Amino acid sequence: MSESIFAPFKLNEAGGKKAARVQQLFEALTQELESILAEGVNSADVSPNVREVALVRTKLQEASFFVVRGLAMLPVNQSA
């Protein structure tokens, strides 16, 4: 039987560093986008784009997951 596409992969040190960098990049992007979306909005007001902001966060989390999964699937990033 071939290797399962659902099998978990443990990252080695280099892979862990790459995953941490990906996380930093996505966090910085999320903060920057939320900052842009909040420009000129009074904090007492209910933002008209709350749903859209939540969708942006969700899609960025999803993208981050697939980047890290892609890293984990490369043998060079896997722990023995």
N, C-alpha and C. Protein backbone atom coordinates (compact mmCIF):
# COMPACT_ATOMS: atom_id res chain seq x y z
N MET A 1 0.84 -1.18 0.00
CA MET A 1 0.00 0.00 0.00
C MET A 1 0.89 1.24 0.00
N SER A 2 0.52 2.24 -0.75
CA SER A 2 1.32 3.46 -0.81
C SER A 2 1.12 4.30 0.45
N GLU A 3 2.02 5.23 0.64
CA GLU A 3 1.97 6.11 1.81
C GLU A 3 0.69 6.94 1.79
N SER A 4 0.08 7.09 2.94
CA SER A 4 -1.17 7.83 3.04
C SER A 4 -0.94 9.32 2.83
N ILE A 5 -1.83 9.94 2.08
CA ILE A 5 -1.75 11.39 1.90
C ILE A 5 -2.23 12.12 3.16
N PHE A 6 -2.78 11.38 4.11
CA PHE A 6 -3.28 11.97 5.35
C PHE A 6 -2.31 11.79 6.51
N ALA A 7 -1.20 11.12 6.26
CA ALA A 7 -0.23 10.87 7.32
C ALA A 7 0.40 12.18 7.80
N PRO A 8 0.58 12.32 9.10
CA PRO A 8 1.22 13.53 9.61
C PRO A 8 2.73 13.48 9.36
N PHE A 9 3.33 14.65 9.24
CA PHE A 9 4.77 14.75 9.08
C PHE A 9 5.32 15.58 10.23
N LYS A 10 6.43 15.12 10.77
CA LYS A 10 7.09 15.89 11.82
C LYS A 10 8.22 16.67 11.17
N LEU A 11 8.23 17.98 11.38
CA LEU A 11 9.26 18.82 10.78
C LEU A 11 10.58 18.69 11.54
N ASN A 12 11.68 18.72 10.79
CA ASN A 12 12.99 18.79 11.41
C ASN A 12 13.26 20.25 11.79
N GLU A 13 14.44 20.54 12.30
CA GLU A 13 14.74 21.90 12.76
C GLU A 13 14.63 22.93 11.63
N ALA A 14 15.17 22.59 10.47
CA ALA A 14 15.11 23.51 9.33
C ALA A 14 13.66 23.74 8.89
N GLY A 15 12.88 22.66 8.84
CA GLY A 15 11.47 22.78 8.47
C GLY A 15 10.69 23.60 9.49
N GLY A 16 11.01 23.41 10.77
CA GLY A 16 10.36 24.19 11.82
C GLY A 16 10.64 25.68 11.70
N LYS A 17 11.89 26.00 11.34
CA LYS A 17 12.25 27.41 11.15
C LYS A 17 11.50 28.01 9.96
N LYS A 18 11.37 27.24 8.90
CA LYS A 18 10.61 27.70 7.73
C LYS A 18 9.14 27.92 8.08
N ALA A 19 8.57 26.98 8.83
CA ALA A 19 7.16 27.10 9.24
C ALA A 19 6.96 28.32 10.13
N ALA A 20 7.92 28.58 11.02
CA ALA A 20 7.83 29.76 11.89
C ALA A 20 7.90 31.04 11.07
N ARG A 21 8.74 31.06 10.04
CA ARG A 21 8.84 32.24 9.16
C ARG A 21 7.54 32.45 8.40
N VAL A 22 6.95 31.37 7.93
CA VAL A 22 5.65 31.46 7.23
C VAL A 22 4.62 32.07 8.18
N GLN A 23 4.59 31.59 9.43
CA GLN A 23 3.65 32.11 10.41
C GLN A 23 3.86 33.60 10.62
N GLN A 24 5.10 34.03 10.74
CA GLN A 24 5.40 35.46 10.93
C GLN A 24 4.90 36.28 9.75
N LEU A 25 5.13 35.79 8.55
CA LEU A 25 4.69 36.51 7.35
C LEU A 25 3.17 36.64 7.29
N PHE A 26 2.47 35.56 7.58
CA PHE A 26 1.01 35.61 7.55
C PHE A 26 0.46 36.50 8.66
N GLU A 27 1.09 36.48 9.84
CA GLU A 27 0.64 37.36 10.93
C GLU A 27 0.86 38.82 10.56
N ALA A 28 2.01 39.13 9.97
CA ALA A 28 2.29 40.51 9.56
C ALA A 28 1.30 40.96 8.49
N LEU A 29 1.03 40.10 7.53
CA LEU A 29 0.07 40.43 6.47
C LEU A 29 -1.31 40.67 7.05
N THR A 30 -1.74 39.79 7.95
CA THR A 30 -3.05 39.93 8.58
C THR A 30 -3.15 41.26 9.32
N GLN A 31 -2.14 41.58 10.10
CA GLN A 31 -2.15 42.85 10.86
C GLN A 31 -2.19 44.05 9.92
N GLU A 32 -1.41 44.01 8.86
CA GLU A 32 -1.38 45.13 7.90
C GLU A 32 -2.73 45.29 7.21
N LEU A 33 -3.32 44.19 6.78
CA LEU A 33 -4.63 44.27 6.13
C LEU A 33 -5.70 44.79 7.08
N GLU A 34 -5.69 44.31 8.31
CA GLU A 34 -6.68 44.77 9.28
C GLU A 34 -6.48 46.26 9.60
N SER A 35 -5.24 46.70 9.61
CA SER A 35 -4.95 48.10 9.84
C SER A 35 -5.51 48.97 8.71
N ILE A 36 -5.30 48.51 7.48
CA ILE A 36 -5.82 49.24 6.32
C ILE A 36 -7.34 49.29 6.35
N LEU A 37 -7.96 48.16 6.68
CA LEU A 37 -9.43 48.10 6.72
C LEU A 37 -10.01 48.97 7.83
N ALA A 38 -9.24 49.19 8.90
CA ALA A 38 -9.73 49.97 10.04
C ALA A 38 -9.48 51.47 9.88
N GLU A 39 -8.73 51.88 8.87
CA GLU A 39 -8.43 53.29 8.68
C GLU A 39 -9.70 54.11 8.54
N GLY A 40 -9.80 55.15 9.35
CA GLY A 40 -10.93 56.07 9.27
C GLY A 40 -12.20 55.55 9.89
N VAL A 41 -12.18 54.37 10.49
CA VAL A 41 -13.38 53.82 11.11
C VAL A 41 -13.34 54.14 12.59
N ASN A 42 -14.39 54.78 13.07
CA ASN A 42 -14.51 55.10 14.48
C ASN A 42 -14.71 53.80 15.25
N SER A 43 -13.92 53.61 16.30
CA SER A 43 -14.01 52.36 17.06
C SER A 43 -15.38 52.13 17.68
N ALA A 44 -16.15 53.20 17.87
CA ALA A 44 -17.49 53.06 18.43
C ALA A 44 -18.50 52.60 17.38
N ASP A 45 -18.14 52.79 16.11
CA ASP A 45 -19.02 52.36 15.02
C ASP A 45 -18.89 50.87 14.78
N VAL A 46 -19.96 50.30 14.32
CA VAL A 46 -19.90 48.90 13.91
C VAL A 46 -19.41 48.90 12.46
N SER A 47 -18.30 48.24 12.27
CA SER A 47 -17.70 48.23 10.93
C SER A 47 -18.62 47.52 9.95
N PRO A 48 -18.84 48.10 8.77
CA PRO A 48 -19.69 47.45 7.77
C PRO A 48 -19.01 46.25 7.12
N ASN A 49 -17.71 46.06 7.37
CA ASN A 49 -17.01 44.96 6.70
C ASN A 49 -16.55 43.87 7.66
N VAL A 50 -17.27 43.71 8.78
CA VAL A 50 -16.88 42.71 9.77
C VAL A 50 -16.84 41.31 9.15
N ARG A 51 -17.82 40.97 8.39
CA ARG A 51 -17.86 39.64 7.76
C ARG A 51 -16.68 39.46 6.82
N GLU A 52 -16.39 40.48 6.04
CA GLU A 52 -15.28 40.39 5.10
C GLU A 52 -13.94 40.23 5.81
N VAL A 53 -13.77 40.95 6.91
CA VAL A 53 -12.52 40.83 7.69
C VAL A 53 -12.39 39.41 8.23
N ALA A 54 -13.48 38.86 8.73
CA ALA A 54 -13.45 37.48 9.23
C ALA A 54 -13.11 36.50 8.11
N LEU A 55 -13.64 36.73 6.92
CA LEU A 55 -13.32 35.87 5.79
C LEU A 55 -11.85 35.98 5.39
N VAL A 56 -11.32 37.20 5.44
CA VAL A 56 -9.90 37.39 5.14
C VAL A 56 -9.05 36.59 6.11
N ARG A 57 -9.35 36.70 7.40
CA ARG A 57 -8.60 35.94 8.41
C ARG A 57 -8.68 34.43 8.13
N THR A 58 -9.87 33.96 7.85
CA THR A 58 -10.07 32.53 7.61
C THR A 58 -9.28 32.07 6.39
N LYS A 59 -9.33 32.83 5.33
CA LYS A 59 -8.63 32.43 4.10
C LYS A 59 -7.11 32.50 4.29
N LEU A 60 -6.63 33.46 5.06
CA LEU A 60 -5.20 33.52 5.34
C LEU A 60 -4.76 32.34 6.21
N GLN A 61 -5.60 31.96 7.17
CA GLN A 61 -5.29 30.77 7.98
C GLN A 61 -5.24 29.53 7.09
N GLU A 62 -6.18 29.44 6.18
CA GLU A 62 -6.23 28.30 5.27
C GLU A 62 -4.98 28.28 4.38
N ALA A 63 -4.60 29.42 3.84
CA ALA A 63 -3.41 29.49 3.00
C ALA A 63 -2.16 29.12 3.78
N SER A 64 -2.06 29.61 5.01
CA SER A 64 -0.92 29.29 5.86
C SER A 64 -0.83 27.79 6.11
N PHE A 65 -1.97 27.17 6.37
CA PHE A 65 -2.01 25.73 6.59
C PHE A 65 -1.43 24.98 5.39
N PHE A 66 -1.83 25.37 4.19
CA PHE A 66 -1.38 24.66 3.00
C PHE A 66 0.09 24.93 2.70
N VAL A 67 0.58 26.11 3.02
CA VAL A 67 2.01 26.37 2.84
C VAL A 67 2.81 25.46 3.77
N VAL A 68 2.41 25.39 5.04
CA VAL A 68 3.14 24.56 6.00
C VAL A 68 2.99 23.08 5.64
N ARG A 69 1.84 22.68 5.18
CA ARG A 69 1.64 21.29 4.74
C ARG A 69 2.56 20.99 3.57
N GLY A 70 2.69 21.95 2.65
CA GLY A 70 3.60 21.78 1.53
C GLY A 70 5.05 21.63 1.99
N LEU A 71 5.44 22.44 2.97
CA LEU A 71 6.79 22.31 3.55
C LEU A 71 6.98 20.94 4.17
N ALA A 72 5.98 20.50 4.92
CA ALA A 72 6.07 19.24 5.63
C ALA A 72 6.14 18.03 4.71
N MET A 73 5.62 18.15 3.52
CA MET A 73 5.62 17.03 2.59
C MET A 73 6.97 16.86 1.88
N LEU A 74 7.82 17.87 1.97
CA LEU A 74 9.14 17.78 1.34
C LEU A 74 10.09 17.01 2.26
N PRO A 75 10.70 15.95 1.77
CA PRO A 75 11.59 15.14 2.61
C PRO A 75 12.70 15.96 3.28
N VAL A 76 13.17 17.01 2.66
CA VAL A 76 14.24 17.82 3.22
C VAL A 76 13.82 18.50 4.53
N ASN A 77 12.53 18.67 4.74
CA ASN A 77 12.02 19.33 5.96
C ASN A 77 11.49 18.35 6.99
N GLN A 78 11.52 17.06 6.70
CA GLN A 78 10.95 16.05 7.58
C GLN A 78 11.97 15.51 8.58
N SER A 79 11.49 15.25 9.76
CA SER A 79 12.30 14.60 10.79
C SER A 79 12.29 13.10 10.52
N ALA A 80 13.39 12.47 10.84
CA ALA A 80 13.50 11.03 10.58
C ALA A 80 12.60 10.20 11.45
